[in-house]
Each structure stands twice: as structure tokens, then as C-alpha cells.
């Protein structure tokens, strides 16, 4: 397995860390800006595709996570791909 095939985000309890990177604001058009240094460290540039995954608890969305679409590991991909396919159908 080469580095591009390895999961980017380890399972909870595995080696790695989570950190608060920034607090961002959403403007009246629903847009937000990711800080430049975070984009640079994450290799996010113009045209980069991000998967947005939400977690719902008690009928309320409590967490929203961004993943680089090309780095989704198989366990996340198995959950996200059907949602992406459905979203594409709805958008057509």
C-alpha cells in the first residue's frame, strides 16, 4: 500500500490528533473561507474537491466535517458514495 492508499484520518484511539484550527464565519451567501495556512498544509487549492459529511444526533446536525475527496478511505467512502450519487441525481 503506498501513501496515497493509506487512510488520512485514523480511527478514534489510533495514533494522530484532532485540533481546533480556526473559527470561521459564514456569510449571507453561505460561503466561508478556510485560513490560508490550513489550506497550504492540507494541500487544498482552487478546484480541490472536498466531501462534506455531517453527523446528526437527536434530529439535529451537530458536526460537519470536510474530507479531501481523493483521500476518503474505504470505510468512509462506503457511507459517502451512495449519498453523493443521490445528491447528483437530485441536482440533475
N, C-alpha and C. Protein backbone atom coordinates (compact mmCIF):
# COMPACT_ATOMS: atom_id res chain seq x y z
N UNK A 1 0.86 -1.18 0.00
CA UNK A 1 0.00 0.00 0.00
C UNK A 1 0.90 1.23 0.00
N UNK A 2 0.71 2.13 -0.98
CA UNK A 2 1.52 3.35 -0.97
C UNK A 2 0.81 4.42 -0.15
N UNK A 3 1.49 5.53 0.08
CA UNK A 3 0.97 6.58 0.97
C UNK A 3 -0.38 7.11 0.54
N UNK A 4 -0.66 7.17 -0.77
CA UNK A 4 -1.95 7.71 -1.21
C UNK A 4 -3.09 6.76 -0.92
N UNK A 5 -2.80 5.46 -0.66
CA UNK A 5 -3.84 4.49 -0.34
C UNK A 5 -4.12 4.40 1.15
N UNK A 6 -3.24 4.96 1.96
CA UNK A 6 -3.42 4.89 3.40
C UNK A 6 -4.51 5.86 3.84
N UNK A 7 -5.33 5.45 4.82
CA UNK A 7 -6.34 6.38 5.31
C UNK A 7 -5.67 7.62 5.90
N UNK A 8 -6.23 8.76 5.61
CA UNK A 8 -5.68 10.02 6.10
C UNK A 8 -6.00 10.19 7.59
N UNK A 9 -7.21 9.89 7.95
CA UNK A 9 -7.66 10.10 9.33
C UNK A 9 -7.77 8.76 10.03
N UNK A 10 -7.04 8.57 11.11
CA UNK A 10 -7.10 7.30 11.82
C UNK A 10 -8.41 7.16 12.57
N UNK A 11 -8.75 5.93 12.89
CA UNK A 11 -9.94 5.66 13.70
C UNK A 11 -9.72 6.24 15.08
N UNK A 12 -10.81 6.59 15.79
CA UNK A 12 -10.65 7.11 17.15
C UNK A 12 -9.79 6.17 17.98
N UNK A 13 -8.87 6.76 18.72
CA UNK A 13 -7.99 5.97 19.57
C UNK A 13 -6.69 5.59 18.89
N UNK A 14 -6.61 5.72 17.56
CA UNK A 14 -5.37 5.42 16.85
C UNK A 14 -4.42 6.60 16.99
N UNK A 15 -3.21 6.40 16.53
CA UNK A 15 -2.24 7.49 16.56
C UNK A 15 -2.75 8.65 15.72
N UNK A 16 -2.51 9.84 16.17
CA UNK A 16 -2.98 11.02 15.46
C UNK A 16 -3.55 12.00 16.45
N UNK A 17 -4.08 13.07 15.92
CA UNK A 17 -4.65 14.07 16.82
C UNK A 17 -5.70 14.88 16.09
N UNK A 18 -6.58 15.44 16.83
CA UNK A 18 -7.54 16.41 16.32
C UNK A 18 -7.19 17.74 16.95
N UNK A 19 -7.39 18.81 16.21
CA UNK A 19 -7.11 20.12 16.78
C UNK A 19 -8.07 21.14 16.20
N UNK A 20 -8.36 22.14 16.99
CA UNK A 20 -9.18 23.26 16.53
C UNK A 20 -8.27 24.14 15.69
N UNK A 21 -8.56 24.27 14.43
CA UNK A 21 -7.72 25.03 13.51
C UNK A 21 -8.14 26.49 13.43
N UNK A 22 -9.43 26.74 13.44
CA UNK A 22 -9.91 28.11 13.28
C UNK A 22 -11.40 28.15 13.57
N UNK A 23 -11.87 29.33 13.83
CA UNK A 23 -13.31 29.60 13.88
C UNK A 23 -13.58 30.46 12.66
N UNK A 24 -14.47 29.98 11.79
CA UNK A 24 -14.77 30.72 10.56
C UNK A 24 -16.21 31.21 10.60
N UNK A 25 -16.48 32.25 9.85
CA UNK A 25 -17.83 32.79 9.75
C UNK A 25 -18.43 32.41 8.40
N UNK A 26 -19.72 32.28 8.38
CA UNK A 26 -20.45 32.01 7.15
C UNK A 26 -21.12 33.31 6.73
N UNK A 27 -20.91 33.71 5.46
CA UNK A 27 -21.51 34.97 5.01
C UNK A 27 -22.95 34.76 4.57
N UNK A 28 -23.60 35.82 4.12
CA UNK A 28 -25.02 35.74 3.77
C UNK A 28 -25.28 34.86 2.55
N UNK A 29 -24.24 34.50 1.79
CA UNK A 29 -24.40 33.58 0.66
C UNK A 29 -24.04 32.15 1.04
N UNK A 30 -23.75 31.92 2.32
CA UNK A 30 -23.42 30.58 2.79
C UNK A 30 -21.98 30.19 2.56
N UNK A 31 -21.13 31.15 2.24
CA UNK A 31 -19.73 30.86 1.97
C UNK A 31 -18.88 31.12 3.21
N UNK A 32 -17.78 30.36 3.28
CA UNK A 32 -16.82 30.59 4.35
C UNK A 32 -15.43 30.47 3.76
N UNK A 33 -14.45 30.99 4.46
CA UNK A 33 -13.07 30.96 4.00
C UNK A 33 -12.25 30.11 4.95
N UNK A 34 -11.55 29.12 4.40
CA UNK A 34 -10.61 28.35 5.20
C UNK A 34 -9.31 29.14 5.27
N UNK A 35 -8.71 29.24 6.45
CA UNK A 35 -7.48 30.02 6.57
C UNK A 35 -6.39 29.55 5.61
N UNK A 36 -5.63 30.51 5.09
CA UNK A 36 -4.60 30.23 4.09
C UNK A 36 -3.59 29.20 4.56
N UNK A 37 -3.11 29.32 5.80
CA UNK A 37 -2.10 28.36 6.28
C UNK A 37 -2.66 26.94 6.38
N UNK A 38 -3.93 26.80 6.74
CA UNK A 38 -4.56 25.49 6.78
C UNK A 38 -4.69 24.91 5.37
N UNK A 39 -5.14 25.75 4.42
CA UNK A 39 -5.23 25.29 3.02
C UNK A 39 -3.87 24.84 2.51
N UNK A 40 -2.82 25.58 2.84
CA UNK A 40 -1.47 25.22 2.39
C UNK A 40 -1.03 23.89 3.00
N UNK A 41 -1.20 23.72 4.31
CA UNK A 41 -0.80 22.48 4.97
C UNK A 41 -1.58 21.28 4.48
N UNK A 42 -2.86 21.50 4.14
CA UNK A 42 -3.72 20.41 3.69
C UNK A 42 -3.65 20.18 2.19
N UNK A 43 -2.93 21.04 1.49
CA UNK A 43 -2.83 20.88 0.04
C UNK A 43 -4.14 21.17 -0.66
N UNK A 44 -4.90 22.13 -0.15
CA UNK A 44 -6.19 22.49 -0.73
C UNK A 44 -6.00 23.74 -1.57
N UNK A 45 -6.32 23.62 -2.85
CA UNK A 45 -6.20 24.76 -3.76
C UNK A 45 -7.45 24.90 -4.60
N UNK A 46 -7.43 25.86 -5.49
CA UNK A 46 -8.56 26.09 -6.38
C UNK A 46 -8.89 24.79 -7.12
N UNK A 47 -10.14 24.44 -7.15
CA UNK A 47 -10.60 23.24 -7.85
C UNK A 47 -10.52 21.97 -7.02
N UNK A 48 -9.92 22.03 -5.84
CA UNK A 48 -9.84 20.86 -4.98
C UNK A 48 -11.25 20.49 -4.52
N UNK A 49 -11.54 19.21 -4.55
CA UNK A 49 -12.88 18.75 -4.16
C UNK A 49 -12.86 18.28 -2.72
N UNK A 50 -13.83 18.77 -1.95
CA UNK A 50 -13.96 18.38 -0.55
C UNK A 50 -15.30 17.69 -0.35
N UNK A 51 -15.29 16.62 0.41
CA UNK A 51 -16.52 15.94 0.79
C UNK A 51 -16.98 16.51 2.12
N UNK A 52 -18.24 16.86 2.21
CA UNK A 52 -18.80 17.41 3.44
C UNK A 52 -19.66 16.31 4.07
N UNK A 53 -19.30 15.91 5.28
CA UNK A 53 -20.00 14.84 5.98
C UNK A 53 -20.59 15.43 7.26
N UNK A 54 -21.86 15.16 7.49
CA UNK A 54 -22.49 15.67 8.71
C UNK A 54 -22.89 14.52 9.62
N UNK A 55 -22.98 14.81 10.88
CA UNK A 55 -23.39 13.85 11.89
C UNK A 55 -24.63 14.40 12.57
N UNK A 56 -25.67 13.59 12.63
CA UNK A 56 -26.92 14.03 13.24
C UNK A 56 -27.15 13.27 14.53
N UNK A 57 -27.59 13.98 15.54
CA UNK A 57 -27.92 13.38 16.82
C UNK A 57 -29.18 14.04 17.33
N UNK A 58 -30.14 13.24 17.72
CA UNK A 58 -31.41 13.74 18.25
C UNK A 58 -32.09 14.70 17.29
N UNK A 59 -32.01 14.40 15.98
CA UNK A 59 -32.68 15.20 14.97
C UNK A 59 -32.00 16.51 14.63
N UNK A 60 -30.79 16.74 15.15
CA UNK A 60 -30.08 17.98 14.91
C UNK A 60 -28.68 17.68 14.39
N UNK A 61 -28.26 18.40 13.36
CA UNK A 61 -26.90 18.25 12.87
C UNK A 61 -25.96 18.87 13.89
N UNK A 62 -25.06 18.05 14.42
CA UNK A 62 -24.18 18.55 15.48
C UNK A 62 -22.73 18.69 15.01
N UNK A 63 -22.33 17.99 13.96
CA UNK A 63 -20.95 18.07 13.47
C UNK A 63 -20.94 18.08 11.95
N UNK A 64 -20.04 18.85 11.40
CA UNK A 64 -19.81 18.88 9.96
C UNK A 64 -18.31 18.73 9.77
N UNK A 65 -17.91 17.78 8.92
CA UNK A 65 -16.50 17.51 8.70
C UNK A 65 -16.20 17.61 7.21
N UNK A 66 -15.03 18.13 6.87
CA UNK A 66 -14.57 18.18 5.49
C UNK A 66 -13.47 17.14 5.29
N UNK A 67 -13.55 16.41 4.19
CA UNK A 67 -12.52 15.46 3.81
C UNK A 67 -12.08 15.80 2.40
N UNK A 68 -10.79 15.68 2.11
CA UNK A 68 -10.37 15.80 0.72
C UNK A 68 -10.96 14.59 0.01
N UNK A 69 -11.70 14.82 -1.05
CA UNK A 69 -12.44 13.75 -1.72
C UNK A 69 -11.52 12.64 -2.21
N UNK A 70 -10.31 12.98 -2.63
CA UNK A 70 -9.41 11.95 -3.14
C UNK A 70 -8.73 11.15 -2.04
N UNK A 71 -8.96 11.50 -0.77
CA UNK A 71 -8.33 10.79 0.34
C UNK A 71 -9.33 10.03 1.20
N UNK A 72 -10.56 9.94 0.76
CA UNK A 72 -11.55 9.21 1.54
C UNK A 72 -11.14 7.74 1.63
N UNK A 73 -11.07 7.22 2.83
CA UNK A 73 -10.74 5.80 2.95
C UNK A 73 -11.99 4.97 2.67
N UNK A 74 -11.80 3.69 2.50
CA UNK A 74 -12.90 2.82 2.08
C UNK A 74 -14.08 2.83 3.04
N UNK A 75 -13.84 2.88 4.35
CA UNK A 75 -14.95 2.85 5.29
C UNK A 75 -15.81 4.11 5.16
N UNK A 76 -15.18 5.26 4.99
CA UNK A 76 -15.93 6.50 4.81
C UNK A 76 -16.56 6.49 3.42
N UNK A 77 -15.81 6.06 2.42
CA UNK A 77 -16.30 6.05 1.05
C UNK A 77 -17.57 5.21 0.93
N UNK A 78 -17.65 4.08 1.65
CA UNK A 78 -18.83 3.21 1.55
C UNK A 78 -20.08 3.91 2.07
N UNK A 79 -19.91 4.86 2.97
CA UNK A 79 -21.04 5.62 3.50
C UNK A 79 -21.34 6.82 2.62
N UNK A 80 -20.28 7.52 2.19
CA UNK A 80 -20.44 8.78 1.48
C UNK A 80 -20.84 8.59 0.02
N UNK A 81 -20.28 7.61 -0.69
CA UNK A 81 -20.55 7.47 -2.12
C UNK A 81 -22.05 7.35 -2.45
N UNK A 82 -22.82 6.53 -1.71
CA UNK A 82 -24.26 6.49 -2.02
C UNK A 82 -24.93 7.85 -1.85
N UNK A 83 -24.50 8.63 -0.85
CA UNK A 83 -25.07 9.96 -0.65
C UNK A 83 -24.71 10.89 -1.79
N UNK A 84 -23.47 10.78 -2.30
CA UNK A 84 -23.03 11.60 -3.42
C UNK A 84 -23.84 11.25 -4.66
N UNK A 85 -24.04 9.98 -4.90
CA UNK A 85 -24.82 9.55 -6.06
C UNK A 85 -26.25 10.09 -5.98
N UNK A 86 -26.85 10.02 -4.79
CA UNK A 86 -28.21 10.56 -4.60
C UNK A 86 -28.24 12.06 -4.83
N UNK A 87 -27.22 12.76 -4.32
CA UNK A 87 -27.16 14.23 -4.48
C UNK A 87 -27.03 14.60 -5.95
N UNK A 88 -26.24 13.84 -6.69
CA UNK A 88 -26.09 14.11 -8.12
C UNK A 88 -27.40 13.90 -8.87
N UNK A 89 -28.14 12.88 -8.48
CA UNK A 89 -29.44 12.61 -9.11
C UNK A 89 -30.41 13.77 -8.85
N UNK A 90 -30.41 14.27 -7.60
CA UNK A 90 -31.30 15.36 -7.24
C UNK A 90 -30.92 16.65 -7.94
N UNK A 91 -29.62 16.86 -8.16
CA UNK A 91 -29.15 18.08 -8.79
C UNK A 91 -29.35 18.11 -10.30
N UNK A 92 -29.62 16.96 -10.90
CA UNK A 92 -29.79 16.89 -12.36
C UNK A 92 -31.11 17.43 -12.82
